[in-house]
Amino acid sequence: MPDEPESVPARRMPDEPESAPAKRMPDEPQDEPQFGLSRTNTTNATPGFRFAAIGALLIVVLFAGYGLGRLNNGTGAPAAATPQAQASPSSSPFDESQPHTHGTTAPAGASGTGAPVGGLSLSGGGLTLTPLTTLFEAGKPQRLEFTISGPGGAPITTYAVVHEKQLHLIVARRDLTGFQHLHPVMAPDGTWSVDLTLAEPGVHRMFADFTALVGGVEITTTLGHDLTVAGAYTPVTVPDPVRAATADGYTVGYEGTPATESTQPLLMTVTDAAGRPVTPEPYLGAYGHLVVLRQGDLGYVHVHPEVQPVDGKVKFWLAAPSRGTYRMFFDFQVAGKVSTAAWTVVVS
């Protein structure tokens, strides 16, 4: 047959439109989809439509990212703080990574109006403190027994362990002398007992500091009651305010000034007889315990420090309950022995 000219066009059927696109061969590559849109949406799309589609997709992505951020960091569920090591484990209703005041589960000074005081009443939160006896002889060891009863009158027998103890007992005479920090033992019937020696005649105050478990609810409070020692009573005037005190051969100083309108840091420094700095050891789940008693009514505040010393100093945070004169008692442990340093502080 004669050679067919190379320029002969393909035959068109009579009913086939002239504008029909050329058929694609099976091995012809397809256009790649762009930004998740199919080729059928972009092949014949105008540039304006293509930009609008891309813009809409970017907006969707941005709003999705914002929603995920709200779920992870929104105000409804704060991100968990990184746990910090404690001086000693303690099953406690308090956040032990923050300084706190007993008698409330809020951080120390959180109210902005000074730390709340406890121990002014023998009852509170539906609980009542009842000593079996309140009369003591001067200088003679005697058994102190008491119960803490619930709203129905039955003794409470379940307590949370706070700083390694179920109950902390503080005793001081009403002139702010004779400070003692004790830990009674509870019998199965709910009766607490401890050997107590009150050296001098006068009226003393006992403070029961605890967290009771009543019907599955934690009740954190401090209850107080007077104890009387018969005999000639000569009140002692509180010492003048100083920045350093001695305790068992150690010199203990503090930095900072308590105030009522804000929480202020107090840093305790311990040095030995040669003037060398000494870092206290962990004692009852903390590197120290600070009890503050207000002159006049013996309003009680018990504060715990930051979980680690700062350059060897034990750092507390305190908002003074009110203006007035206070005695601060700092319990610390060195070489397995617990000592107590005391200062007079005037808050104006």
C-alpha atoms as a PDB file:
ATOM      1  CA  MET A   1       0.000   0.000   0.000  1.00  0.00           C
ATOM      2  CA  PRO A   2       1.170   3.554  -0.610  1.00  0.00           C
ATOM      3  CA  ASP A   3       2.697   5.388   2.309  1.00  0.00           C
ATOM      4  CA  GLU A   4       0.076   7.275   4.424  1.00  0.00           C
ATOM      5  CA  PRO A   5       0.928  10.945   4.998  1.00  0.00           C
ATOM      6  CA  GLU A   6       2.121  11.600   8.591  1.00  0.00           C
ATOM      7  CA  SER A   7      -0.053  14.691   8.957  1.00  0.00           C
ATOM      8  CA  VAL A   8      -3.410  12.969   8.505  1.00  0.00           C
ATOM      9  CA  PRO A   9      -5.577  13.846  11.598  1.00  0.00           C
ATOM     10  CA  ALA A  10      -7.520  11.257  13.526  1.00  0.00           C
ATOM     11  CA  ARG A  11     -11.011  10.673  12.230  1.00  0.00           C
ATOM     12  CA  ARG A  12     -13.849  12.236  14.223  1.00  0.00           C
ATOM     13  CA  MET A  13     -17.257  10.688  14.555  1.00  0.00           C
ATOM     14  CA  PRO A  14     -20.086  12.826  13.315  1.00  0.00           C
ATOM     15  CA  ASP A  15     -21.646  13.329  16.794  1.00  0.00           C
ATOM     16  CA  GLU A  16     -18.368  13.966  18.599  1.00  0.00           C
ATOM     17  CA  PRO A  17     -17.871  17.643  19.647  1.00  0.00           C
ATOM     18  CA  GLU A  18     -14.877  19.413  18.239  1.00  0.00           C
ATOM     19  CA  SER A  19     -13.703  20.526  21.697  1.00  0.00           C
ATOM     20  CA  ALA A  20     -13.444  17.014  23.172  1.00  0.00           C
ATOM     21  CA  PRO A  21     -10.059  16.559  24.840  1.00  0.00           C
ATOM     22  CA  ALA A  22      -7.578  14.104  23.418  1.00  0.00           C
ATOM     23  CA  LYS A  23      -7.735  10.692  24.971  1.00  0.00           C
ATOM     24  CA  ARG A  24      -4.909   9.862  27.434  1.00  0.00           C
ATOM     25  CA  MET A  25      -2.812   6.806  26.852  1.00  0.00           C
ATOM     26  CA  PRO A  26      -2.690   4.291  29.752  1.00  0.00           C
ATOM     27  CA  ASP A  27       0.940   5.064  30.508  1.00  0.00           C
ATOM     28  CA  GLU A  28       0.508   8.819  30.496  1.00  0.00           C
ATOM     29  CA  PRO A  29       1.345  10.315  33.958  1.00  0.00           C
ATOM     30  CA  GLN A  30      -1.434  12.027  35.937  1.00  0.00           C
ATOM     31  CA  ASP A  31      -1.218  15.415  37.582  1.00  0.00           C
ATOM     32  CA  GLU A  32      -0.373  15.085  41.302  1.00  0.00           C
ATOM     33  CA  PRO A  33      -3.106  16.174  43.788  1.00  0.00           C
ATOM     34  CA  GLN A  34      -2.246  19.448  45.553  1.00  0.00           C
ATOM     35  CA  PHE A  35      -2.841  20.136  49.306  1.00  0.00           C
ATOM     36  CA  GLY A  36      -5.207  17.164  49.607  1.00  0.00           C
ATOM     37  CA  LEU A  37      -7.544  18.282  46.756  1.00  0.00           C
ATOM     38  CA  SER A  38      -8.289  15.818  43.955  1.00  0.00           C
ATOM     39  CA  ARG A  39      -7.045  16.420  40.427  1.00  0.00           C
ATOM     40  CA  THR A  40     -10.609  16.873  39.175  1.00  0.00           C
ATOM     41  CA  ASN A  41     -10.904  19.933  41.440  1.00  0.00           C
ATOM     42  CA  THR A  42      -7.681  21.578  40.283  1.00  0.00           C
ATOM     43  CA  THR A  43      -7.166  20.661  36.662  1.00  0.00           C
ATOM     44  CA  ASN A  44      -9.750  23.086  35.326  1.00  0.00           C
ATOM     45  CA  ALA A  45      -9.812  25.426  38.388  1.00  0.00           C
ATOM     46  CA  THR A  46      -9.066  29.060  37.867  1.00  0.00           C
ATOM     47  CA  PRO A  47      -6.107  30.564  39.855  1.00  0.00           C
ATOM     48  CA  GLY A  48      -8.527  32.480  42.094  1.00  0.00           C
ATOM     49  CA  PHE A  49     -10.427  29.360  43.072  1.00  0.00           C
ATOM     50  CA  ARG A  50      -7.192  27.484  43.727  1.00  0.00           C
ATOM     51  CA  PHE A  51      -5.915  30.182  46.144  1.00  0.00           C
ATOM     52  CA  ALA A  52      -9.293  30.328  47.934  1.00  0.00           C
ATOM     53  CA  ALA A  53      -9.286  26.557  48.487  1.00  0.00           C
ATOM     54  CA  ILE A  54      -5.736  26.643  49.852  1.00  0.00           C
ATOM     55  CA  GLY A  55      -6.596  29.530  52.201  1.00  0.00           C
ATOM     56  CA  ALA A  56      -9.654  27.727  53.566  1.00  0.00           C
ATOM     57  CA  LEU A  57      -7.574  24.627  54.272  1.00  0.00           C
ATOM     58  CA  LEU A  58      -4.947  26.645  56.163  1.00  0.00           C
ATOM     59  CA  ILE A  59      -7.665  28.219  58.346  1.00  0.00           C
ATOM     60  CA  VAL A  60      -9.003  24.746  59.224  1.00  0.00           C
ATOM     61  CA  VAL A  61      -5.495  23.584  60.191  1.00  0.00           C
ATOM     62  CA  LEU A  62      -4.909  26.658  62.394  1.00  0.00           C
ATOM     63  CA  PHE A  63      -8.205  26.241  64.251  1.00  0.00           C
ATOM     64  CA  ALA A  64      -7.513  22.526  64.782  1.00  0.00           C
ATOM     65  CA  GLY A  65      -4.127  23.346  66.306  1.00  0.00           C
ATOM     66  CA  TYR A  66      -5.704  25.977  68.576  1.00  0.00           C
ATOM     67  CA  GLY A  67      -8.284  23.445  69.781  1.00  0.00           C
ATOM     68  CA  LEU A  68      -5.600  20.907  70.640  1.00  0.00           C
ATOM     69  CA  GLY A  69      -3.699  23.565  72.558  1.00  0.00           C
ATOM     70  CA  ARG A  70      -6.803  24.381  74.580  1.00  0.00           C
ATOM     71  CA  LEU A  71      -7.243  20.719  75.472  1.00  0.00           C
ATOM     72  CA  ASN A  72      -3.638  20.364  76.612  1.00  0.00           C
ATOM     73  CA  ASN A  73      -3.117  23.691  78.409  1.00  0.00           C
ATOM     74  CA  GLY A  74      -6.539  25.231  78.879  1.00  0.00           C
ATOM     75  CA  THR A  75      -7.822  26.690  82.097  1.00  0.00           C
ATOM     76  CA  GLY A  76     -10.174  23.775  82.649  1.00  0.00           C
ATOM     77  CA  ALA A  77      -7.333  21.331  83.328  1.00  0.00           C
ATOM     78  CA  PRO A  78      -3.966  22.845  84.285  1.00  0.00           C
ATOM     79  CA  ALA A  79      -0.897  20.972  83.180  1.00  0.00           C
ATOM     80  CA  ALA A  80       0.517  18.778  85.932  1.00  0.00           C
ATOM     81  CA  ALA A  81       3.581  20.234  87.643  1.00  0.00           C
ATOM     82  CA  THR A  82       6.817  18.318  87.547  1.00  0.00           C
ATOM     83  CA  PRO A  83       7.047  16.367  90.836  1.00  0.00           C
ATOM     84  CA  GLN A  84       9.807  17.415  93.214  1.00  0.00           C
ATOM     85  CA  ALA A  85      11.730  15.255  95.639  1.00  0.00           C
ATOM     86  CA  GLN A  86      10.738  15.597  99.282  1.00  0.00           C
ATOM     87  CA  ALA A  87      12.871  15.369 102.367  1.00  0.00           C
ATOM     88  CA  SER A  88      10.822  12.366 103.453  1.00  0.00           C
ATOM     89  CA  PRO A  89       7.617  10.807 102.095  1.00  0.00           C
ATOM     90  CA  SER A  90       4.419  11.781 103.891  1.00  0.00           C
ATOM     91  CA  SER A  91       0.815  10.796 103.164  1.00  0.00           C
ATOM     92  CA  SER A  92      -0.726  14.224 103.453  1.00  0.00           C
ATOM     93  CA  PRO A  93      -3.702  16.293 102.263  1.00  0.00           C
ATOM     94  CA  PHE A  94      -1.268  19.178 101.729  1.00  0.00           C
ATOM     95  CA  ASP A  95       0.688  19.926  98.585  1.00  0.00           C
ATOM     96  CA  GLU A  96       4.092  19.079 100.011  1.00  0.00           C
ATOM     97  CA  SER A  97       5.850  20.769  97.085  1.00  0.00           C
ATOM     98  CA  GLN A  98       4.645  24.112  98.435  1.00  0.00           C
ATOM     99  CA  PRO A  99       5.112  25.751 101.835  1.00  0.00           C
ATOM    100  CA  HIS A 100       1.864  25.467 103.740  1.00  0.00           C
ATOM    101  CA  THR A 101       0.178  26.284 107.011  1.00  0.00           C
ATOM    102  CA  HIS A 102      -1.505  23.645 109.164  1.00  0.00           C
ATOM    103  CA  GLY A 103      -5.180  24.208 109.821  1.00  0.00           C
ATOM    104  CA  THR A 104      -5.861  24.837 106.127  1.00  0.00           C
ATOM    105  CA  THR A 105      -5.001  23.037 102.884  1.00  0.00           C
ATOM    106  CA  ALA A 106      -4.315  26.371 101.136  1.00  0.00           C
ATOM    107  CA  PRO A 107      -0.724  27.488 100.522  1.00  0.00           C
ATOM    108  CA  ALA A 108       0.789  29.682 103.220  1.00  0.00           C
ATOM    109  CA  GLY A 109      -0.668  33.183 103.069  1.00  0.00           C
ATOM    110  CA  ALA A 110      -2.852  32.357 100.066  1.00  0.00           C
ATOM    111  CA  SER A 111      -5.733  34.547 101.262  1.00  0.00           C
ATOM    112  CA  GLY A 112      -3.631  37.721 101.110  1.00  0.00           C
ATOM    113  CA  THR A 113      -4.808  38.705 104.608  1.00  0.00           C
ATOM    114  CA  GLY A 114      -2.320  36.795 106.740  1.00  0.00           C
ATOM    115  CA  ALA A 115      -2.135  33.162 107.746  1.00  0.00           C
ATOM    116  CA  PRO A 116      -5.214  31.733 109.501  1.00  0.00           C
ATOM    117  CA  VAL A 117      -4.739  30.923 113.181  1.00  0.00           C
ATOM    118  CA  GLY A 118      -5.869  27.776 114.964  1.00  0.00           C
ATOM    119  CA  GLY A 119      -6.109  26.500 118.500  1.00  0.00           C
ATOM    120  CA  LEU A 120      -8.387  29.254 119.800  1.00  0.00           C
ATOM    121  CA  SER A 121     -11.275  26.856 120.412  1.00  0.00           C
ATOM    122  CA  LEU A 122     -11.723  23.333 121.767  1.00  0.00           C
ATOM    123  CA  SER A 123     -14.187  22.582 118.952  1.00  0.00           C
ATOM    124  CA  GLY A 124     -14.351  23.220 115.235  1.00  0.00           C
ATOM    125  CA  GLY A 125     -15.418  21.543 112.007  1.00  0.00           C
ATOM    126  CA  GLY A 126     -17.834  19.370 113.993  1.00  0.00           C
ATOM    127  CA  LEU A 127     -14.985  17.974 116.129  1.00  0.00           C
ATOM    128  CA  THR A 128     -14.360  18.456 119.866  1.00  0.00           C
ATOM    129  CA  LEU A 129     -11.170  18.071 121.927  1.00  0.00           C
ATOM    130  CA  THR A 130     -11.726  16.617 125.421  1.00  0.00           C
ATOM    131  CA  PRO A 131      -8.809  16.025 127.853  1.00  0.00           C
ATOM    132  CA  LEU A 132      -9.470  13.368 130.498  1.00  0.00           C
ATOM    133  CA  THR A 133      -7.708  15.623 133.030  1.00  0.00           C
ATOM    134  CA  THR A 134      -6.477  19.210 132.907  1.00  0.00           C
ATOM    135  CA  LEU A 135      -4.728  19.458 136.313  1.00  0.00           C
ATOM    136  CA  PHE A 136      -0.980  18.823 136.574  1.00  0.00           C
ATOM    137  CA  GLU A 137       1.735  19.028 139.231  1.00  0.00           C
ATOM    138  CA  ALA A 138       4.748  21.201 138.500  1.00  0.00           C
ATOM    139  CA  GLY A 139       7.824  19.292 137.360  1.00  0.00           C
ATOM    140  CA  LYS A 140       6.243  15.860 137.670  1.00  0.00           C
ATOM    141  CA  PRO A 141       5.754  13.534 134.651  1.00  0.00           C
ATOM    142  CA  GLN A 142       2.094  12.844 134.139  1.00  0.00           C
ATOM    143  CA  ARG A 143       0.013  11.050 131.549  1.00  0.00           C
ATOM    144  CA  LEU A 144      -1.975  13.379 129.322  1.00  0.00           C
ATOM    145  CA  GLU A 145      -4.964  11.611 127.759  1.00  0.00           C
ATOM    146  CA  PHE A 146      -7.592  13.091 125.483  1.00  0.00           C
ATOM    147  CA  THR A 147     -10.100  12.253 122.768  1.00  0.00           C
ATOM    148  CA  ILE A 148     -11.305  14.009 119.643  1.00  0.00           C
ATOM    149  CA  SER A 149     -14.970  13.263 119.109  1.00  0.00           C
ATOM    150  CA  GLY A 150     -17.167  13.708 116.060  1.00  0.00           C
ATOM    151  CA  PRO A 151     -20.596  15.342 115.714  1.00  0.00           C
ATOM    152  CA  GLY A 152     -22.310  12.306 117.282  1.00  0.00           C
ATOM    153  CA  GLY A 153     -20.018  12.284 120.321  1.00  0.00           C
ATOM    154  CA  ALA A 154     -18.041   9.131 119.440  1.00  0.00           C
ATOM    155  CA  PRO A 155     -14.225   9.379 119.395  1.00  0.00           C
ATOM    156  CA  ILE A 156     -12.619   9.654 115.971  1.00  0.00           C
ATOM    157  CA  THR A 157     -10.252   6.747 115.227  1.00  0.00           C
ATOM    158  CA  THR A 158      -9.103   7.456 111.640  1.00  0.00           C
ATOM    159  CA  TYR A 159      -6.551  10.152 110.776  1.00  0.00           C
ATOM    160  CA  ALA A 160      -4.335  11.058 107.852  1.00  0.00           C
ATOM    161  CA  VAL A 161      -0.573  10.815 108.307  1.00  0.00           C
ATOM    162  CA  VAL A 162       0.827  14.349 108.004  1.00  0.00           C
ATOM    163  CA  HIS A 163       4.597  14.742 108.207  1.00  0.00           C
ATOM    164  CA  GLU A 164       4.963  11.175 109.418  1.00  0.00           C
ATOM    165  CA  LYS A 165       2.508  11.517 112.324  1.00  0.00           C
ATOM    166  CA  GLN A 166      -1.253  11.305 112.728  1.00  0.00           C
ATOM    167  CA  LEU A 167      -1.302  14.095 115.296  1.00  0.00           C
ATOM    168  CA  HIS A 168       1.141  16.814 116.359  1.00  0.00           C
ATOM    169  CA  LEU A 169       0.752  18.144 119.910  1.00  0.00           C
ATOM    170  CA  ILE A 170       2.185  21.547 120.838  1.00  0.00           C
ATOM    171  CA  VAL A 171       2.211  22.710 124.470  1.00  0.00           C
ATOM    172  CA  ALA A 172       3.254  26.151 125.744  1.00  0.00           C
ATOM    173  CA  ARG A 173       2.535  28.268 128.794  1.00  0.00           C
ATOM    174  CA  ARG A 174       0.385  31.316 128.186  1.00  0.00           C
ATOM    175  CA  ASP A 175       3.372  33.646 128.690  1.00  0.00           C
ATOM    176  CA  LEU A 176       4.932  31.880 125.620  1.00  0.00           C
ATOM    177  CA  THR A 177       7.473  29.845 127.614  1.00  0.00           C
ATOM    178  CA  GLY A 178       7.908  26.077 128.053  1.00  0.00           C
ATOM    179  CA  PHE A 179       7.421  25.162 124.370  1.00  0.00           C
ATOM    180  CA  GLN A 180       7.116  21.417 123.605  1.00  0.00           C
ATOM    181  CA  HIS A 181       6.410  19.540 120.348  1.00  0.00           C
ATOM    182  CA  LEU A 182       5.127  16.021 121.131  1.00  0.00           C
ATOM    183  CA  HIS A 183       3.526  13.092 119.317  1.00  0.00           C
ATOM    184  CA  PRO A 184       0.903  11.147 121.296  1.00  0.00           C
ATOM    185  CA  VAL A 185      -0.097   7.571 120.493  1.00  0.00           C
ATOM    186  CA  MET A 186      -3.720   6.615 119.813  1.00  0.00           C
ATOM    187  CA  ALA A 187      -5.376   3.537 121.331  1.00  0.00           C
ATOM    188  CA  PRO A 188      -7.900   1.523 119.280  1.00  0.00           C
ATOM    189  CA  ASP A 189     -10.782   3.274 121.089  1.00  0.00           C
ATOM    190  CA  GLY A 190      -9.576   6.714 119.900  1.00  0.00           C
ATOM    191  CA  THR A 191      -7.909   7.814 123.155  1.00  0.00           C
ATOM    192  CA  TRP A 192      -4.639   9.703 122.641  1.00  0.00           C
ATOM    193  CA  SER A 193      -1.946   9.605 125.334  1.00  0.00           C
ATOM    194  CA  VAL A 194       1.556  10.979 125.945  1.00  0.00           C
ATOM    195  CA  ASP A 195       3.809  11.561 128.944  1.00  0.00           C
ATOM    196  CA  LEU A 196       3.917  15.287 129.697  1.00  0.00           C
ATOM    197  CA  THR A 197       5.984  17.261 132.195  1.00  0.00           C
ATOM    198  CA  LEU A 198       5.004  20.881 132.846  1.00  0.00           C
ATOM    199  CA  ALA A 199       7.926  22.411 134.701  1.00  0.00           C
ATOM    200  CA  GLU A 200       6.371  25.601 136.080  1.00  0.00           C
ATOM    201  CA  PRO A 201       3.035  26.557 137.635  1.00  0.00           C
ATOM    202  CA  GLY A 202       0.612  28.503 135.507  1.00  0.00           C
ATOM    203  CA  VAL A 203      -1.886  28.005 132.708  1.00  0.00           C
ATOM    204  CA  HIS A 204      -0.597  26.128 129.685  1.00  0.00           C
ATOM    205  CA  ARG A 205      -2.222  25.658 126.296  1.00  0.00           C
ATOM    206  CA  MET A 206      -2.295  22.377 124.387  1.00  0.00           C
ATOM    207  CA  PHE A 207      -2.740  22.447 120.594  1.00  0.00           C
ATOM    208  CA  ALA A 208      -3.887  19.259 118.825  1.00  0.00           C
ATOM    209  CA  ASP A 209      -2.887  19.645 115.163  1.00  0.00           C
ATOM    210  CA  PHE A 210      -4.351  16.908 112.914  1.00  0.00           C
ATOM    211  CA  THR A 211      -6.354  15.858 109.851  1.00  0.00           C
ATOM    212  CA  ALA A 212      -9.273  13.588 110.793  1.00  0.00           C
ATOM    213  CA  LEU A 213     -11.070  11.288 108.345  1.00  0.00           C
ATOM    214  CA  VAL A 214     -14.783  11.496 109.045  1.00  0.00           C
ATOM    215  CA  GLY A 215     -17.128   9.657 106.694  1.00  0.00           C
ATOM    216  CA  GLY A 216     -14.441   9.670 104.022  1.00  0.00           C
ATOM    217  CA  VAL A 217     -13.987  13.456 104.321  1.00  0.00           C
ATOM    218  CA  GLU A 218     -10.708  15.035 105.486  1.00  0.00           C
ATOM    219  CA  ILE A 219     -11.133  17.656 108.219  1.00  0.00           C
ATOM    220  CA  THR A 220      -7.923  19.589 108.816  1.00  0.00           C
ATOM    221  CA  THR A 221      -7.913  21.719 111.959  1.00  0.00           C
ATOM    222  CA  THR A 222      -6.121  22.639 115.189  1.00  0.00           C
ATOM    223  CA  LEU A 223      -8.055  22.482 118.467  1.00  0.00           C
ATOM    224  CA  GLY A 224      -6.865  23.919 121.771  1.00  0.00           C
ATOM    225  CA  HIS A 225      -7.494  23.444 125.485  1.00  0.00           C
ATOM    226  CA  ASP A 226      -6.017  24.882 128.696  1.00  0.00           C
ATOM    227  CA  LEU A 227      -4.022  22.798 131.200  1.00  0.00           C
ATOM    228  CA  THR A 228      -3.473  24.122 134.724  1.00  0.00           C
ATOM    229  CA  VAL A 229      -0.424  23.639 136.958  1.00  0.00           C
ATOM    230  CA  ALA A 230      -1.122  24.631 140.567  1.00  0.00           C
ATOM    231  CA  GLY A 231       1.376  26.769 142.483  1.00  0.00           C
ATOM    232  CA  ALA A 232       2.780  30.260 142.682  1.00  0.00           C
ATOM    233  CA  TYR A 233       2.800  31.661 139.176  1.00  0.00           C
ATOM    234  CA  THR A 234       5.266  34.313 138.074  1.00  0.00           C
ATOM    235  CA  PRO A 235       4.740  35.309 134.441  1.00  0.00           C
ATOM    236  CA  VAL A 236       7.826  35.836 132.276  1.00  0.00           C
ATOM    237  CA  THR A 237       8.203  38.832 129.998  1.00  0.00           C
ATOM    238  CA  VAL A 238       8.994  37.862 126.424  1.00  0.00           C
ATOM    239  CA  PRO A 239      12.588  38.645 125.379  1.00  0.00           C
ATOM    240  CA  ASP A 240      13.338  41.593 123.136  1.00  0.00           C
ATOM    241  CA  PRO A 241      13.308  40.965 119.382  1.00  0.00           C
ATOM    242  CA  VAL A 242      16.666  39.691 118.122  1.00  0.00           C
ATOM    243  CA  ARG A 243      17.837  38.045 114.901  1.00  0.00           C
ATOM    244  CA  ALA A 244      19.891  35.245 116.466  1.00  0.00           C
ATOM    245  CA  ALA A 245      19.238  32.681 119.188  1.00  0.00           C
ATOM    246  CA  THR A 246      21.122  29.751 120.700  1.00  0.00           C
ATOM    247  CA  ALA A 247      19.921  26.166 120.964  1.00  0.00           C
ATOM    248  CA  ASP A 248      21.988  23.192 122.197  1.00  0.00           C
ATOM    249  CA  GLY A 249      25.280  24.853 121.284  1.00  0.00           C
ATOM    250  CA  TYR A 250      24.114  26.048 117.848  1.00  0.00           C
ATOM    251  CA  THR A 251      23.568  29.641 116.821  1.00  0.00           C
ATOM    252  CA  VAL A 252      20.424  30.061 114.768  1.00  0.00           C
ATOM    253  CA  GLY A 253      19.612  33.249 112.900  1.00  0.00           C
ATOM    254  CA  TYR A 254      16.846  34.267 110.559  1.00  0.00           C
ATOM    255  CA  GLU A 255      16.481  36.676 107.652  1.00  0.00           C
ATOM    256  CA  GLY A 256      13.236  38.315 106.547  1.00  0.00           C
ATOM    257  CA  THR A 257      10.467  40.394 108.077  1.00  0.00           C
ATOM    258  CA  PRO A 258       6.953  38.964 108.547  1.00  0.00           C
ATOM    259  CA  ALA A 259       4.096  41.140 107.297  1.00  0.00           C
ATOM    260  CA  THR A 260       0.319  40.879 107.334  1.00  0.00           C
ATOM    261  CA  GLU A 261      -0.544  42.030 103.806  1.00  0.00           C
ATOM    262  CA  SER A 262       1.761  39.645 101.930  1.00  0.00           C
ATOM    263  CA  THR A 263       3.617  36.367 102.317  1.00  0.00           C
ATOM    264  CA  GLN A 264       7.292  36.975 103.081  1.00  0.00           C
ATOM    265  CA  PRO A 265      10.286  34.584 103.040  1.00  0.00           C
ATOM    266  CA  LEU A 266      12.057  33.654 106.272  1.00  0.00           C
ATOM    267  CA  LEU A 267      15.443  31.940 105.934  1.00  0.00           C
ATOM    268  CA  MET A 268      16.880  30.089 108.930  1.00  0.00           C
ATOM    269  CA  THR A 269      20.668  29.639 109.223  1.00  0.00           C
ATOM    270  CA  VAL A 270      22.305  27.192 111.660  1.00  0.00           C
ATOM    271  CA  THR A 271      26.002  27.435 112.620  1.00  0.00           C
ATOM    272  CA  ASP A 272      28.036  25.348 115.053  1.00  0.00           C
ATOM    273  CA  ALA A 273      30.194  26.566 117.954  1.00  0.00           C
ATOM    274  CA  ALA A 274      33.074  27.310 115.562  1.00  0.00           C
ATOM    275  CA  GLY A 275      30.831  29.442 113.339  1.00  0.00           C
ATOM    276  CA  ARG A 276      30.681  26.873 110.522  1.00  0.00           C
ATOM    277  CA  PRO A 277      27.365  26.605 108.627  1.00  0.00           C
ATOM    278  CA  VAL A 278      25.366  23.446 109.344  1.00  0.00           C
ATOM    279  CA  THR A 279      22.593  22.161 107.097  1.00  0.00           C
ATOM    280  CA  PRO A 280      19.772  20.618 109.155  1.00  0.00           C
ATOM    281  CA  GLU A 281      18.707  17.040 108.475  1.00  0.00           C
ATOM    282  CA  PRO A 282      15.188  16.010 107.409  1.00  0.00           C
ATOM    283  CA  TYR A 283      12.917  15.768 110.431  1.00  0.00           C
ATOM    284  CA  LEU A 284       9.295  14.587 110.235  1.00  0.00           C
ATOM    285  CA  GLY A 285       9.166  14.972 106.470  1.00  0.00           C
ATOM    286  CA  ALA A 286      10.748  18.438 106.292  1.00  0.00           C
ATOM    287  CA  TYR A 287      14.009  20.284 106.923  1.00  0.00           C
ATOM    288  CA  GLY A 288      12.383  22.158 109.779  1.00  0.00           C
ATOM    289  CA  HIS A 289       9.102  23.093 111.436  1.00  0.00           C
ATOM    290  CA  LEU A 290       8.085  26.623 112.390  1.00  0.00           C
ATOM    291  CA  VAL A 291       5.410  27.249 115.028  1.00  0.00           C
ATOM    292  CA  VAL A 292       4.286  30.845 115.581  1.00  0.00           C
ATOM    293  CA  LEU A 293       2.239  31.818 118.667  1.00  0.00           C
ATOM    294  CA  ARG A 294       0.586  35.219 119.061  1.00  0.00           C
ATOM    295  CA  GLN A 295       0.886  36.971 122.410  1.00  0.00           C
ATOM    296  CA  GLY A 296      -2.464  37.617 124.081  1.00  0.00           C
ATOM    297  CA  ASP A 297      -4.654  34.829 122.713  1.00  0.00           C
ATOM    298  CA  LEU A 298      -2.022  32.254 121.631  1.00  0.00           C
ATOM    299  CA  GLY A 299      -3.282  32.174 118.061  1.00  0.00           C
ATOM    300  CA  TYR A 300      -1.437  29.230 116.497  1.00  0.00           C
ATOM    301  CA  VAL A 301       0.317  28.948 113.118  1.00  0.00           C
ATOM    302  CA  HIS A 302       2.374  25.915 112.019  1.00  0.00           C
ATOM    303  CA  VAL A 303       4.364  26.409 108.806  1.00  0.00           C
ATOM    304  CA  HIS A 304       6.507  24.012 106.769  1.00  0.00           C
ATOM    305  CA  PRO A 305       9.398  25.082 104.527  1.00  0.00           C
ATOM    306  CA  GLU A 306      10.344  24.596 100.907  1.00  0.00           C
ATOM    307  CA  VAL A 307      11.260  21.000 100.100  1.00  0.00           C
ATOM    308  CA  GLN A 308      14.997  21.715  99.801  1.00  0.00           C
ATOM    309  CA  PRO A 309      17.310  24.125 101.668  1.00  0.00           C
ATOM    310  CA  VAL A 310      18.508  27.216  99.787  1.00  0.00           C
ATOM    311  CA  ASP A 311      22.300  27.484 100.100  1.00  0.00           C
ATOM    312  CA  GLY A 312      22.046  25.501 103.341  1.00  0.00           C
ATOM    313  CA  LYS A 313      19.266  27.744 104.702  1.00  0.00           C
ATOM    314  CA  VAL A 314      15.791  26.494 105.558  1.00  0.00           C
ATOM    315  CA  LYS A 315      13.290  28.711 103.732  1.00  0.00           C
ATOM    316  CA  PHE A 316       9.772  29.304 105.059  1.00  0.00           C
ATOM    317  CA  TRP A 317       7.025  31.564 103.733  1.00  0.00           C
ATOM    318  CA  LEU A 318       4.845  33.349 106.289  1.00  0.00           C
ATOM    319  CA  ALA A 319       2.044  35.880 106.260  1.00  0.00           C
ATOM    320  CA  ALA A 320       1.605  37.102 109.839  1.00  0.00           C
ATOM    321  CA  PRO A 321      -2.006  36.689 111.022  1.00  0.00           C
ATOM    322  CA  SER A 322      -2.197  40.271 112.352  1.00  0.00           C
ATOM    323  CA  ARG A 323      -0.177  43.027 113.926  1.00  0.00           C
ATOM    324  CA  GLY A 324       1.204  42.156 117.318  1.00  0.00           C
ATOM    325  CA  THR A 325       3.960  40.349 119.208  1.00  0.00           C
ATOM    326  CA  TYR A 326       4.789  36.730 118.429  1.00  0.00           C
ATOM    327  CA  ARG A 327       7.173  33.999 119.486  1.00  0.00           C
ATOM    328  CA  MET A 328       8.599  31.888 116.665  1.00  0.00           C
ATOM    329  CA  PHE A 329       9.779  28.354 117.500  1.00  0.00           C
ATOM    330  CA  PHE A 330      11.995  26.619 114.938  1.00  0.00           C
ATOM    331  CA  ASP A 331      12.463  22.842 115.299  1.00  0.00           C
ATOM    332  CA  PHE A 332      15.494  21.437 113.449  1.00  0.00           C
ATOM    333  CA  GLN A 333      17.585  18.266 113.565  1.00  0.00           C
ATOM    334  CA  VAL A 334      21.375  17.856 113.418  1.00  0.00           C
ATOM    335  CA  ALA A 335      23.181  14.535 113.969  1.00  0.00           C
ATOM    336  CA  GLY A 336      19.909  12.868 114.905  1.00  0.00           C
ATOM    337  CA  LYS A 337      19.087  15.326 117.711  1.00  0.00           C
ATOM    338  CA  VAL A 338      16.151  17.741 117.568  1.00  0.00           C
ATOM    339  CA  SER A 339      16.680  21.283 118.899  1.00  0.00           C
ATOM    340  CA  THR A 340      14.394  24.307 119.127  1.00  0.00           C
ATOM    341  CA  ALA A 341      15.396  27.939 118.592  1.00  0.00           C
ATOM    342  CA  ALA A 342      13.014  30.747 119.590  1.00  0.00           C
ATOM    343  CA  TRP A 343      12.693  34.446 118.770  1.00  0.00           C
ATOM    344  CA  THR A 344      10.398  37.308 119.598  1.00  0.00           C
ATOM    345  CA  VAL A 345       8.983  39.062 116.537  1.00  0.00           C
ATOM    346  CA  VAL A 346       6.960  42.275 116.488  1.00  0.00           C
ATOM    347  CA  VAL A 347       4.757  42.701 113.422  1.00  0.00           C
ATOM    348  CA  SER A 348       3.692  46.303 112.814  1.00  0.00           C
END
